Protein backbone atom coordinates (compact mmCIF):
# COMPACT_ATOMS: atom_id res chain seq x y z
CA MET A 1 0.00 0.00 0.00
CA LYS A 2 1.24 3.48 -0.91
CA HIS A 3 2.02 5.99 1.83
CA ASP A 4 -0.55 8.78 2.02
CA PRO A 5 1.20 11.90 3.35
CA ILE A 6 -2.02 13.59 4.46
CA ALA A 7 -3.70 10.61 6.15
CA THR A 8 -3.28 10.14 9.90
CA GLY A 9 -5.11 6.84 10.22
CA LYS A 10 -7.39 8.43 12.81
CA ARG A 11 -11.09 9.01 12.19
CA LYS A 12 -13.18 12.09 12.94
CA SER A 13 -16.94 12.23 12.74
CA VAL A 14 -18.17 15.13 10.59
CA ASN A 15 -21.56 16.31 9.42
CA MET A 16 -22.13 16.64 5.69
CA SER A 17 -25.17 17.62 3.70
CA LEU A 18 -25.67 15.54 0.58
CA ASP A 19 -28.46 15.41 -1.96
CA THR A 20 -30.99 12.83 -0.78
CA GLY A 21 -31.26 11.26 -4.23
CA ILE A 22 -27.50 10.71 -4.35
CA VAL A 23 -27.53 9.19 -0.86
CA ALA A 24 -30.41 6.86 -1.74
CA ALA A 25 -28.79 5.74 -5.00
CA ALA A 26 -25.43 5.15 -3.29
CA ARG A 27 -27.03 3.11 -0.52
CA GLU A 28 -29.03 1.09 -3.03
CA ALA A 29 -25.81 0.37 -4.89
CA GLY A 30 -24.13 -0.68 -1.64
CA LEU A 31 -21.56 2.10 -1.77
CA ASN A 32 -19.66 3.35 1.27
CA LEU A 33 -20.32 7.10 1.37
CA SER A 34 -17.58 7.77 3.93
CA GLN A 35 -14.95 5.97 1.87
CA ILE A 36 -15.99 7.62 -1.39
CA SER A 37 -16.11 11.06 0.24
CA GLU A 38 -12.68 10.57 1.78
CA GLN A 39 -11.19 9.51 -1.56
CA ALA A 40 -12.75 12.51 -3.34
CA ILE A 41 -11.52 14.94 -0.68
CA ARG A 42 -8.04 13.36 -0.77
CA HIS A 43 -7.92 13.77 -4.55
CA ALA A 44 -9.20 17.37 -4.47
CA THR A 45 -6.66 18.21 -1.75
CA LYS A 46 -3.78 16.73 -3.75
CA VAL A 47 -4.83 18.63 -6.89
CA GLU A 48 -5.02 21.91 -4.94
CA GLN A 49 -1.66 21.32 -3.21
CA GLU A 50 -0.01 20.66 -6.58
CA ARG A 51 -1.61 23.78 -8.08
CA ARG A 52 -0.36 25.92 -5.19
CA TRP A 53 3.14 24.39 -5.38
CA LYS A 54 3.35 25.19 -9.08
CA GLU A 55 2.10 28.72 -8.45
CA ASP A 56 4.55 29.26 -5.56
CA ASN A 57 7.46 27.90 -7.63
CA ARG A 58 6.49 29.33 -11.03
CA GLU A 59 9.46 31.73 -11.13
CA ALA A 60 12.01 28.98 -10.47
CA ILE A 61 10.33 26.59 -12.92
CA ASP A 62 10.30 29.27 -15.63
CA GLY A 63 13.98 29.97 -14.93
CA TRP A 64 14.94 26.32 -15.32
CA ASN A 65 12.87 26.04 -18.49
CA ARG A 66 14.65 29.09 -19.97
CA TRP A 67 18.04 27.64 -19.04
CA TYR A 68 17.11 24.34 -20.67
CA ASP A 69 15.90 26.10 -23.84
CA GLU A 70 19.13 28.09 -24.04
CA ASN A 71 21.58 25.31 -23.10
CA GLY A 72 19.87 22.09 -24.09
CA ASP A 73 19.81 18.81 -22.21
CA PRO A 74 23.02 18.47 -20.19
CA LEU A 75 22.54 14.70 -20.05
CA ALA A 76 21.82 14.20 -23.75
CA HIS A 77 25.17 12.48 -24.25
CA LEU A 78 24.10 9.75 -21.79
CA ARG A 79 20.83 8.90 -23.57
CA PRO A 80 20.77 6.03 -26.06
CA LEU A 81 20.04 6.93 -29.66
């Protein structure tokens, strides 16, 4: 199993408001709402963290991209043809 850097392994009860039709359909299908919600929140959190990291590091990333464009791949000689 992969390590999840944001998971603590502990559980906290929370109140959520969900559309009643969605809840009924999920229950009828035998789906675990807590598990699905947790997975969706984990995914949304990861996407937002990555977006913020890219935004916070945009200047450095742009600088490295410019250097690469101007100088080429410094490891090109090690790559097979």
